[in-house]
Amino acid sequence: MTAQRKTSVALISDAAPFAIRAERASDVVAREALLDACFGANRHTRTCQRLRDGRAPAEGLAFSVVRQGRLVATVRLWHVSAGGKPALVLGPLAVDASCRELGIGAALMSHALAAAKARGHGAVILLGDAPYYARFGFSALMTGELALPGPFERDRLLGLELRAGALDGAWGMIAPSGAAAQARLRPAGKARRLATHAA
């Protein structure tokens, strides 16, 4: 008779699960800190930021990843006109340095693309590393006739059709086309009080 060996399995913190959910207003501070840590203080001067300035993300397409109660990843998609063709631009995608080996970035990308397709969007464009994004179907072949409003590396401008032919004939400048971002409004009562004191 063979003796059964008891093995104990230690639960390590790296095995902790993560959850992908819709971005919340309460995520703003943590999201901005994560983006600063991942992309540096000059991130607001980058070319793709011109497509996001003053715009709101596409409805239902801003996501956060939470692990052990902490925001560890973020991605948003934005409406653009890709040389006259409606599309989305994805970015920035950021994952906390301590979580980069857990598959969070890939899971978040897959989730975001599935959500975009489910909402009827035809194409997604991004500026990123071709070897990484090729696994999701992105290719520079889709964007060869497109340009960004600022300096960019041609081989990093990638596209993915969620619907066949969505980028056929896309030519020219990629331009923002989404709704304007909502300014933060004061509660009505507070605004009335301020107006009274200012009179």
Protein backbone atom coordinates (compact mmCIF):
# COMPACT_ATOMS: atom_id res chain seq x y z
CA MET A 1 0.00 0.00 0.00
CA THR A 2 1.31 3.39 -0.95
CA ALA A 3 1.33 6.05 1.70
CA GLN A 4 -0.51 9.19 0.73
CA ARG A 5 1.54 12.27 1.00
CA LYS A 6 -0.06 15.39 2.40
CA THR A 7 0.98 18.56 0.66
CA SER A 8 0.05 21.97 1.87
CA VAL A 9 -0.61 24.72 -0.60
CA ALA A 10 0.37 28.17 0.54
CA LEU A 11 -1.75 30.98 -0.78
CA ILE A 12 0.60 33.69 -1.89
CA SER A 13 -0.38 37.28 -2.50
CA ASP A 14 0.49 37.03 -6.21
CA ALA A 15 -2.37 34.55 -6.58
CA ALA A 16 -4.93 37.09 -5.37
CA PRO A 17 -7.74 37.54 -7.90
CA PHE A 18 -8.52 40.78 -9.66
CA ALA A 19 -11.81 42.23 -10.89
CA ILE A 20 -12.45 44.24 -14.04
CA ARG A 21 -15.28 46.72 -13.62
CA ALA A 22 -16.63 49.94 -15.08
CA GLU A 23 -14.63 52.98 -14.07
CA ARG A 24 -16.13 54.94 -11.17
CA ALA A 25 -15.83 58.60 -10.22
CA SER A 26 -14.05 57.45 -7.06
CA ASP A 27 -11.28 55.95 -9.23
CA VAL A 28 -10.06 59.31 -10.54
CA VAL A 29 -7.29 60.03 -8.01
CA ALA A 30 -5.89 56.48 -8.11
CA ARG A 31 -6.17 56.34 -11.90
CA GLU A 32 -4.28 59.60 -12.37
CA ALA A 33 -1.55 58.49 -9.96
CA LEU A 34 -1.20 55.18 -11.82
CA LEU A 35 -0.96 56.94 -15.19
CA ASP A 36 1.69 59.32 -13.82
CA ALA A 37 3.69 56.37 -12.48
CA CYS A 38 3.46 54.45 -15.77
CA PHE A 39 3.92 57.27 -18.29
CA GLY A 40 5.67 60.08 -16.42
CA ALA A 41 4.94 63.71 -15.84
CA ASN A 42 5.01 64.55 -19.57
CA ARG A 43 2.16 62.20 -20.47
CA HIS A 44 -0.19 65.13 -21.15
CA THR A 45 2.10 66.34 -23.96
CA ARG A 46 2.01 63.11 -25.95
CA THR A 47 0.44 63.04 -29.40
CA CYS A 48 -2.47 60.72 -28.54
CA GLN A 49 -3.45 63.05 -25.72
CA ARG A 50 -4.60 65.51 -28.43
CA LEU A 51 -7.36 62.99 -29.23
CA ARG A 52 -8.53 62.94 -25.61
CA ASP A 53 -8.19 66.55 -24.48
CA GLY A 54 -11.56 67.98 -23.49
CA ARG A 55 -13.39 64.79 -24.47
CA ALA A 56 -15.29 62.17 -22.52
CA PRO A 57 -14.47 58.48 -22.98
CA ALA A 58 -16.88 56.50 -25.16
CA GLU A 59 -19.95 55.50 -23.18
CA GLY A 60 -19.48 52.26 -21.27
CA LEU A 61 -15.86 51.89 -22.40
CA ALA A 62 -13.79 53.07 -19.44
CA PHE A 63 -12.59 50.25 -17.19
CA SER A 64 -10.68 49.80 -13.94
CA VAL A 65 -9.05 46.70 -12.50
CA VAL A 66 -9.14 46.28 -8.74
CA ARG A 67 -7.02 43.83 -6.77
CA GLN A 68 -7.11 43.53 -3.00
CA GLY A 69 -9.15 46.73 -2.81
CA ARG A 70 -6.66 48.77 -4.86
CA LEU A 71 -6.90 50.08 -8.42
CA VAL A 72 -4.08 48.38 -10.34
CA ALA A 73 -4.98 48.94 -14.00
CA THR A 74 -7.01 51.22 -16.23
CA VAL A 75 -8.02 51.65 -19.85
CA ARG A 76 -10.38 53.93 -21.74
CA LEU A 77 -11.60 54.09 -25.34
CA TRP A 78 -12.48 57.33 -27.12
CA HIS A 79 -14.49 58.24 -30.22
CA VAL A 80 -12.43 59.38 -33.21
CA SER A 81 -12.82 59.91 -36.91
CA ALA A 82 -10.15 57.84 -38.66
CA GLY A 83 -9.89 59.68 -41.95
CA GLY A 84 -13.66 59.98 -42.07
CA LYS A 85 -14.38 56.49 -40.71
CA PRO A 86 -15.87 56.20 -37.20
CA ALA A 87 -13.54 54.36 -34.84
CA LEU A 88 -12.31 54.23 -31.28
CA VAL A 89 -8.83 55.01 -30.03
CA LEU A 90 -7.68 52.90 -27.08
CA GLY A 91 -5.50 54.33 -24.37
CA PRO A 92 -3.87 54.84 -22.20
CA LEU A 93 -3.66 51.27 -20.93
CA ALA A 94 -1.73 51.15 -17.66
CA VAL A 95 -0.95 48.34 -15.23
CA ASP A 96 0.72 48.81 -11.84
CA ALA A 97 4.34 47.62 -11.96
CA SER A 98 3.73 45.12 -9.14
CA CYS A 99 1.03 43.35 -11.18
CA ARG A 100 2.53 43.15 -14.66
CA GLU A 101 3.23 39.41 -14.56
CA LEU A 102 -0.34 38.45 -13.62
CA GLY A 103 -2.01 38.73 -17.03
CA ILE A 104 -4.04 41.76 -15.98
CA GLY A 105 -3.15 43.81 -19.06
CA ALA A 106 -4.17 41.04 -21.46
CA ALA A 107 -7.40 40.38 -19.57
CA LEU A 108 -8.23 44.09 -19.56
CA MET A 109 -7.53 44.42 -23.30
CA SER A 110 -9.72 41.41 -24.13
CA HIS A 111 -12.51 42.76 -21.92
CA ALA A 112 -12.36 46.25 -23.45
CA LEU A 113 -12.36 44.95 -27.04
CA ALA A 114 -15.26 42.58 -26.35
CA ALA A 115 -17.22 45.44 -24.78
CA ALA A 116 -16.52 47.70 -27.77
CA LYS A 117 -17.67 45.01 -30.18
CA ALA A 118 -20.80 44.33 -28.13
CA ARG A 119 -21.66 48.03 -28.33
CA GLY A 120 -21.48 47.88 -32.13
CA HIS A 121 -18.19 49.68 -32.73
CA GLY A 122 -16.37 48.72 -35.92
CA ALA A 123 -12.70 49.50 -35.31
CA VAL A 124 -10.12 50.31 -32.65
CA ILE A 125 -6.86 52.20 -33.17
CA LEU A 126 -3.97 52.62 -30.77
CA LEU A 127 -0.36 53.73 -30.58
CA GLY A 128 1.72 50.96 -29.05
CA ASP A 129 4.19 48.10 -29.39
CA ALA A 130 3.22 45.94 -32.37
CA PRO A 131 4.62 42.67 -30.91
CA TYR A 132 2.47 43.06 -27.77
CA TYR A 133 -0.76 44.13 -29.47
CA ALA A 134 -0.52 41.69 -32.40
CA ARG A 135 -1.87 38.94 -30.13
CA PHE A 136 -5.17 40.83 -30.00
CA GLY A 137 -5.29 41.21 -33.80
CA PHE A 138 -3.84 44.74 -34.13
CA SER A 139 -1.76 45.50 -37.20
CA ALA A 140 -0.05 48.47 -38.82
CA LEU A 141 -1.53 47.31 -42.15
CA MET A 142 -4.89 48.77 -41.08
CA THR A 143 -3.51 52.26 -40.48
CA GLY A 144 -0.98 52.82 -43.28
CA GLU A 145 -2.90 55.77 -44.73
CA LEU A 146 -3.76 57.39 -41.40
CA ALA A 147 -1.91 60.05 -39.42
CA LEU A 148 -1.99 61.50 -35.90
CA PRO A 149 -2.06 65.21 -34.96
CA GLY A 150 1.58 65.30 -33.89
CA PRO A 151 4.78 63.25 -34.08
CA PHE A 152 4.43 59.46 -33.98
CA GLU A 153 6.27 56.34 -35.07
CA ARG A 154 4.51 54.85 -38.11
CA ASP A 155 5.07 51.21 -37.06
CA ARG A 156 3.39 51.89 -33.69
CA LEU A 157 0.10 53.16 -35.16
CA LEU A 158 -2.02 50.00 -35.11
CA GLY A 159 -5.60 49.14 -36.00
CA LEU A 160 -8.08 46.33 -35.43
CA GLU A 161 -11.36 45.84 -37.25
CA LEU A 162 -14.13 44.56 -35.00
CA ARG A 163 -16.34 44.47 -38.07
CA ALA A 164 -14.84 43.44 -41.41
CA GLY A 165 -14.18 46.41 -43.68
CA ALA A 166 -14.67 49.05 -40.96
CA LEU A 167 -11.39 50.76 -41.88
CA ASP A 168 -11.60 50.21 -45.66
CA GLY A 169 -10.65 53.45 -47.37
CA ALA A 170 -9.63 55.17 -44.12
CA TRP A 171 -7.26 57.92 -45.16
CA GLY A 172 -6.01 61.13 -43.56
CA MET A 173 -5.86 62.59 -40.09
CA ILE A 174 -7.30 60.86 -37.02
CA ALA A 175 -9.38 63.46 -35.20
CA PRO A 176 -11.39 63.47 -31.96
CA SER A 177 -15.13 63.10 -32.44
CA GLY A 178 -16.49 62.22 -29.01
CA ALA A 179 -18.66 64.22 -26.68
CA ALA A 180 -17.12 67.05 -24.69
CA ALA A 181 -16.13 66.17 -21.14
CA GLN A 182 -18.58 67.38 -18.54
CA ALA A 183 -17.26 70.15 -16.32
CA ARG A 184 -17.69 69.44 -12.64
CA LEU A 185 -20.75 71.30 -11.47
CA ARG A 186 -21.40 72.55 -7.97
CA PRO A 187 -24.59 71.39 -6.28
CA ALA A 188 -27.44 73.79 -7.08
CA GLY A 189 -27.89 74.87 -3.45
CA LYS A 190 -24.23 75.73 -3.08
CA ALA A 191 -24.24 77.66 -6.35
CA ARG A 192 -27.26 79.68 -5.16
CA ARG A 193 -25.52 80.48 -1.85
CA LEU A 194 -22.39 81.61 -3.67
CA ALA A 195 -24.44 83.80 -6.00
CA THR A 196 -26.20 85.38 -3.01
CA HIS A 197 -22.93 86.17 -1.25
CA ALA A 198 -21.42 87.55 -4.45
CA ALA A 199 -24.34 89.95 -5.06
